[in-house]
Amino acid sequence: MSSLSSSSHHTRCAACKYLRKSCPSDCIFSPYFPSNNPQRFSFVHKVFGASNVGKMLKRLPVELRGEAADTMHFEATCRIENRVYGCVGIISQLQQQIHHVETELAMTRAEIALFSSTSSCSSNPNPNFSDYAEIIQEPHFQEEYSNLNSFTQSQQNDNNVIGQYDNHFFKF
């Protein structure tokens, strides 16, 4: 008799343990919130609520539910770590890094254009200001300088990347 009861015994998933209820064999949460990782469900529950998580999982095809549970866990973790911006804060940091690197790249390209132009004038051992004035009028230097200048202006127009998200995503 003990072997029969142990084979029919179903370990409760983290969600059912957290909610203090019995875990049915067809529990929507059990494949995605195993009992050995209770924090995963507690974070998701704090941000989304158990009912909403269950509804979202039920609406999805079975093959997409695991990825959805992982995404909800990631979003919940980010929201708990950063109450105001959540994962948008991470996106903002990454965009700022991209802008910084793009600025460095534009500056480097402008310097390369300047140095390649000055190397063509290397026949003159004593260049003066008028030599540089001619160099910066050359088309390839003007193009690089224009790219850098337009990028710098767009940076100045964007006061704050996070502020952009406030305007687009968080309509108050």
C-alpha atoms as a PDB file:
ATOM      1  CA  MET A   1       0.000   0.000   0.000  1.00  0.00           C
ATOM      2  CA  SER A   2       2.854   2.424   0.728  1.00  0.00           C
ATOM      3  CA  SER A   3       4.246   1.939  -2.802  1.00  0.00           C
ATOM      4  CA  LEU A   4       0.851   2.836  -4.249  1.00  0.00           C
ATOM      5  CA  SER A   5       0.570   6.040  -2.257  1.00  0.00           C
ATOM      6  CA  SER A   6       4.168   7.105  -3.006  1.00  0.00           C
ATOM      7  CA  SER A   7       3.709   6.611  -6.764  1.00  0.00           C
ATOM      8  CA  SER A   8       0.530   8.705  -6.808  1.00  0.00           C
ATOM      9  CA  HIS A   9       2.076  11.377  -4.582  1.00  0.00           C
ATOM     10  CA  HIS A  10       2.741  14.556  -6.573  1.00  0.00           C
ATOM     11  CA  THR A  11       5.303  17.072  -5.266  1.00  0.00           C
ATOM     12  CA  ARG A  12       3.839  20.537  -5.050  1.00  0.00           C
ATOM     13  CA  CYS A  13       5.352  23.124  -7.349  1.00  0.00           C
ATOM     14  CA  ALA A  14       6.785  26.375  -5.995  1.00  0.00           C
ATOM     15  CA  ALA A  15       3.596  28.244  -6.909  1.00  0.00           C
ATOM     16  CA  CYS A  16       1.294  25.884  -5.043  1.00  0.00           C
ATOM     17  CA  LYS A  17       3.631  25.852  -2.041  1.00  0.00           C
ATOM     18  CA  TYR A  18       3.736  29.648  -2.038  1.00  0.00           C
ATOM     19  CA  LEU A  19      -0.046  29.874  -2.350  1.00  0.00           C
ATOM     20  CA  ARG A  20      -0.471  27.095   0.240  1.00  0.00           C
ATOM     21  CA  LYS A  21      -2.754  24.979  -1.873  1.00  0.00           C
ATOM     22  CA  SER A  22      -2.684  21.463  -3.230  1.00  0.00           C
ATOM     23  CA  CYS A  23      -0.966  21.010  -6.557  1.00  0.00           C
ATOM     24  CA  PRO A  24      -3.110  19.165  -9.111  1.00  0.00           C
ATOM     25  CA  SER A  25      -1.391  16.878 -11.601  1.00  0.00           C
ATOM     26  CA  ASP A  26      -2.333  19.275 -14.422  1.00  0.00           C
ATOM     27  CA  CYS A  27      -1.111  22.397 -12.582  1.00  0.00           C
ATOM     28  CA  ILE A  28      -0.358  25.206 -15.028  1.00  0.00           C
ATOM     29  CA  PHE A  29       2.551  26.402 -12.876  1.00  0.00           C
ATOM     30  CA  SER A  30       4.410  23.155 -12.125  1.00  0.00           C
ATOM     31  CA  PRO A  31       6.402  22.838 -15.384  1.00  0.00           C
ATOM     32  CA  TYR A  32       7.681  26.415 -15.106  1.00  0.00           C
ATOM     33  CA  PHE A  33       7.998  26.983 -11.360  1.00  0.00           C
ATOM     34  CA  PRO A  34       9.611  23.850  -9.862  1.00  0.00           C
ATOM     35  CA  SER A  35       9.614  23.267  -6.127  1.00  0.00           C
ATOM     36  CA  ASN A  36      13.401  23.566  -5.936  1.00  0.00           C
ATOM     37  CA  ASN A  37      13.298  27.269  -6.949  1.00  0.00           C
ATOM     38  CA  PRO A  38      10.676  29.006  -4.788  1.00  0.00           C
ATOM     39  CA  GLN A  39      12.162  32.486  -5.288  1.00  0.00           C
ATOM     40  CA  ARG A  40      11.380  32.339  -9.020  1.00  0.00           C
ATOM     41  CA  PHE A  41       7.652  32.187  -8.362  1.00  0.00           C
ATOM     42  CA  SER A  42       7.701  34.610  -5.436  1.00  0.00           C
ATOM     43  CA  PHE A  43       9.229  37.339  -7.644  1.00  0.00           C
ATOM     44  CA  VAL A  44       6.743  36.696 -10.450  1.00  0.00           C
ATOM     45  CA  HIS A  45       3.865  36.653  -7.965  1.00  0.00           C
ATOM     46  CA  LYS A  46       4.945  39.972  -6.386  1.00  0.00           C
ATOM     47  CA  VAL A  47       4.963  41.766  -9.722  1.00  0.00           C
ATOM     48  CA  PHE A  48       2.258  40.054 -11.767  1.00  0.00           C
ATOM     49  CA  GLY A  49       0.081  38.133  -9.313  1.00  0.00           C
ATOM     50  CA  ALA A  50      -0.638  34.415  -9.456  1.00  0.00           C
ATOM     51  CA  SER A  51      -3.989  34.783 -11.193  1.00  0.00           C
ATOM     52  CA  ASN A  52      -2.556  36.925 -13.987  1.00  0.00           C
ATOM     53  CA  VAL A  53       0.408  34.593 -14.483  1.00  0.00           C
ATOM     54  CA  GLY A  54      -1.933  31.611 -14.710  1.00  0.00           C
ATOM     55  CA  LYS A  55      -4.149  33.421 -17.234  1.00  0.00           C
ATOM     56  CA  MET A  56      -1.168  34.439 -19.375  1.00  0.00           C
ATOM     57  CA  LEU A  57       0.241  30.916 -19.408  1.00  0.00           C
ATOM     58  CA  LYS A  58      -3.136  29.356 -20.267  1.00  0.00           C
ATOM     59  CA  ARG A  59      -3.610  31.716 -23.227  1.00  0.00           C
ATOM     60  CA  LEU A  60      -0.307  30.713 -24.802  1.00  0.00           C
ATOM     61  CA  PRO A  61       0.450  27.579 -26.790  1.00  0.00           C
ATOM     62  CA  VAL A  62       2.292  25.000 -24.682  1.00  0.00           C
ATOM     63  CA  GLU A  63       5.521  25.422 -26.671  1.00  0.00           C
ATOM     64  CA  LEU A  64       5.722  29.152 -25.762  1.00  0.00           C
ATOM     65  CA  ARG A  65       4.882  28.899 -22.067  1.00  0.00           C
ATOM     66  CA  GLY A  66       8.419  28.139 -20.873  1.00  0.00           C
ATOM     67  CA  GLU A  67       9.827  31.187 -22.626  1.00  0.00           C
ATOM     68  CA  ALA A  68       6.972  33.304 -21.277  1.00  0.00           C
ATOM     69  CA  ALA A  69       7.663  32.126 -17.721  1.00  0.00           C
ATOM     70  CA  ASP A  70      11.361  32.928 -18.165  1.00  0.00           C
ATOM     71  CA  THR A  71      10.478  36.382 -19.492  1.00  0.00           C
ATOM     72  CA  MET A  72       8.080  37.071 -16.621  1.00  0.00           C
ATOM     73  CA  HIS A  73      10.774  36.006 -14.159  1.00  0.00           C
ATOM     74  CA  PHE A  74      13.342  38.297 -15.791  1.00  0.00           C
ATOM     75  CA  GLU A  75      10.927  41.249 -15.864  1.00  0.00           C
ATOM     76  CA  ALA A  76       9.909  40.641 -12.249  1.00  0.00           C
ATOM     77  CA  THR A  77      13.531  40.421 -11.104  1.00  0.00           C
ATOM     78  CA  CYS A  78      14.368  43.687 -12.889  1.00  0.00           C
ATOM     79  CA  ARG A  79      11.292  45.386 -11.434  1.00  0.00           C
ATOM     80  CA  ILE A  80      12.196  44.270  -7.905  1.00  0.00           C
ATOM     81  CA  GLU A  81      15.784  45.487  -8.337  1.00  0.00           C
ATOM     82  CA  ASN A  82      14.708  48.807  -9.888  1.00  0.00           C
ATOM     83  CA  ARG A  83      11.189  49.729  -8.754  1.00  0.00           C
ATOM     84  CA  VAL A  84      10.848  52.712 -11.075  1.00  0.00           C
ATOM     85  CA  TYR A  85      12.190  51.548 -14.429  1.00  0.00           C
ATOM     86  CA  GLY A  86      12.622  47.770 -14.200  1.00  0.00           C
ATOM     87  CA  CYS A  87      14.111  46.335 -17.373  1.00  0.00           C
ATOM     88  CA  VAL A  88      13.672  49.689 -19.134  1.00  0.00           C
ATOM     89  CA  GLY A  89      16.537  50.923 -16.944  1.00  0.00           C
ATOM     90  CA  ILE A  90      18.777  48.217 -18.408  1.00  0.00           C
ATOM     91  CA  ILE A  91      17.686  49.149 -21.929  1.00  0.00           C
ATOM     92  CA  SER A  92      18.472  52.789 -21.172  1.00  0.00           C
ATOM     93  CA  GLN A  93      21.964  51.944 -19.911  1.00  0.00           C
ATOM     94  CA  LEU A  94      22.661  49.883 -23.026  1.00  0.00           C
ATOM     95  CA  GLN A  95      21.442  52.683 -25.309  1.00  0.00           C
ATOM     96  CA  GLN A  96      23.669  55.170 -23.504  1.00  0.00           C
ATOM     97  CA  GLN A  97      26.633  52.838 -24.009  1.00  0.00           C
ATOM     98  CA  ILE A  98      25.786  52.541 -27.720  1.00  0.00           C
ATOM     99  CA  HIS A  99      25.576  56.328 -28.072  1.00  0.00           C
ATOM    100  CA  HIS A 100      28.914  56.739 -26.280  1.00  0.00           C
ATOM    101  CA  VAL A 101      30.631  54.220 -28.553  1.00  0.00           C
ATOM    102  CA  GLU A 102      29.042  55.774 -31.666  1.00  0.00           C
ATOM    103  CA  THR A 103      30.361  59.184 -30.599  1.00  0.00           C
ATOM    104  CA  GLU A 104      33.854  57.755 -30.083  1.00  0.00           C
ATOM    105  CA  LEU A 105      33.665  56.068 -33.492  1.00  0.00           C
ATOM    106  CA  ALA A 106      32.618  59.290 -35.233  1.00  0.00           C
ATOM    107  CA  MET A 107      35.421  61.208 -33.506  1.00  0.00           C
ATOM    108  CA  THR A 108      37.959  58.545 -34.456  1.00  0.00           C
ATOM    109  CA  ARG A 109      36.807  58.597 -38.083  1.00  0.00           C
ATOM    110  CA  ALA A 110      37.118  62.387 -38.140  1.00  0.00           C
ATOM    111  CA  GLU A 111      40.634  62.142 -36.709  1.00  0.00           C
ATOM    112  CA  ILE A 112      41.575  59.512 -39.299  1.00  0.00           C
ATOM    113  CA  ALA A 113      40.273  61.749 -42.054  1.00  0.00           C
ATOM    114  CA  LEU A 114      42.287  64.658 -40.661  1.00  0.00           C
ATOM    115  CA  PHE A 115      45.470  62.615 -40.296  1.00  0.00           C
ATOM    116  CA  SER A 116      45.135  61.055 -43.739  1.00  0.00           C
ATOM    117  CA  SER A 117      44.711  64.540 -45.175  1.00  0.00           C
ATOM    118  CA  THR A 118      47.699  65.889 -43.264  1.00  0.00           C
ATOM    119  CA  SER A 119      49.850  62.986 -44.407  1.00  0.00           C
ATOM    120  CA  SER A 120      49.137  64.000 -48.008  1.00  0.00           C
ATOM    121  CA  CYS A 121      50.535  67.434 -47.110  1.00  0.00           C
ATOM    122  CA  SER A 122      53.635  65.939 -45.521  1.00  0.00           C
ATOM    123  CA  SER A 123      55.734  67.300 -48.349  1.00  0.00           C
ATOM    124  CA  ASN A 124      55.520  70.633 -46.535  1.00  0.00           C
ATOM    125  CA  PRO A 125      57.736  70.283 -43.419  1.00  0.00           C
ATOM    126  CA  ASN A 126      56.331  73.476 -41.808  1.00  0.00           C
ATOM    127  CA  PRO A 127      52.550  73.434 -42.228  1.00  0.00           C
ATOM    128  CA  ASN A 128      50.690  76.538 -41.115  1.00  0.00           C
ATOM    129  CA  PHE A 129      47.070  77.296 -40.276  1.00  0.00           C
ATOM    130  CA  SER A 130      46.138  77.850 -43.915  1.00  0.00           C
ATOM    131  CA  ASP A 131      47.221  74.251 -44.665  1.00  0.00           C
ATOM    132  CA  TYR A 132      44.768  72.941 -42.049  1.00  0.00           C
ATOM    133  CA  ALA A 133      42.043  75.250 -43.324  1.00  0.00           C
ATOM    134  CA  GLU A 134      42.452  73.647 -46.745  1.00  0.00           C
ATOM    135  CA  ILE A 135      42.368  70.146 -45.234  1.00  0.00           C
ATOM    136  CA  ILE A 136      39.128  70.629 -43.369  1.00  0.00           C
ATOM    137  CA  GLN A 137      37.481  71.848 -46.580  1.00  0.00           C
ATOM    138  CA  GLU A 138      38.147  68.521 -48.308  1.00  0.00           C
ATOM    139  CA  PRO A 139      34.958  66.504 -48.966  1.00  0.00           C
ATOM    140  CA  HIS A 140      35.852  63.333 -47.015  1.00  0.00           C
ATOM    141  CA  PHE A 141      36.781  65.381 -43.922  1.00  0.00           C
ATOM    142  CA  GLN A 142      33.598  67.430 -44.208  1.00  0.00           C
ATOM    143  CA  GLU A 143      31.523  64.248 -44.391  1.00  0.00           C
ATOM    144  CA  GLU A 144      33.088  62.789 -41.234  1.00  0.00           C
ATOM    145  CA  TYR A 145      32.807  66.108 -39.404  1.00  0.00           C
ATOM    146  CA  SER A 146      29.177  66.427 -40.484  1.00  0.00           C
ATOM    147  CA  ASN A 147      28.402  62.930 -39.189  1.00  0.00           C
ATOM    148  CA  LEU A 148      30.026  63.757 -35.848  1.00  0.00           C
ATOM    149  CA  ASN A 149      28.289  67.124 -35.624  1.00  0.00           C
ATOM    150  CA  SER A 150      24.803  65.740 -36.403  1.00  0.00           C
ATOM    151  CA  PHE A 151      25.306  62.891 -33.949  1.00  0.00           C
ATOM    152  CA  THR A 152      26.427  65.320 -31.216  1.00  0.00           C
ATOM    153  CA  GLN A 153      23.380  67.514 -31.860  1.00  0.00           C
ATOM    154  CA  SER A 154      21.036  64.535 -31.621  1.00  0.00           C
ATOM    155  CA  GLN A 155      22.693  63.656 -28.313  1.00  0.00           C
ATOM    156  CA  GLN A 156      22.041  67.164 -27.004  1.00  0.00           C
ATOM    157  CA  ASN A 157      18.391  66.979 -28.100  1.00  0.00           C
ATOM    158  CA  ASP A 158      17.932  63.759 -26.156  1.00  0.00           C
ATOM    159  CA  ASN A 159      18.048  65.117 -22.621  1.00  0.00           C
ATOM    160  CA  ASN A 160      17.697  61.747 -21.021  1.00  0.00           C
ATOM    161  CA  VAL A 161      17.155  58.329 -22.578  1.00  0.00           C
ATOM    162  CA  ILE A 162      15.066  57.211 -19.623  1.00  0.00           C
ATOM    163  CA  GLY A 163      12.954  60.349 -20.030  1.00  0.00           C
ATOM    164  CA  GLN A 164      12.130  59.183 -23.545  1.00  0.00           C
ATOM    165  CA  TYR A 165      10.727  55.984 -22.120  1.00  0.00           C
ATOM    166  CA  ASP A 166       8.673  57.958 -19.636  1.00  0.00           C
ATOM    167  CA  ASN A 167       7.019  59.801 -22.509  1.00  0.00           C
ATOM    168  CA  HIS A 168       6.439  56.726 -24.664  1.00  0.00           C
ATOM    169  CA  PHE A 169       5.614  53.966 -22.213  1.00  0.00           C
ATOM    170  CA  PHE A 170       4.462  55.562 -19.001  1.00  0.00           C
ATOM    171  CA  LYS A 171       1.643  57.935 -19.855  1.00  0.00           C
ATOM    172  CA  PHE A 172       0.746  59.583 -16.557  1.00  0.00           C
END
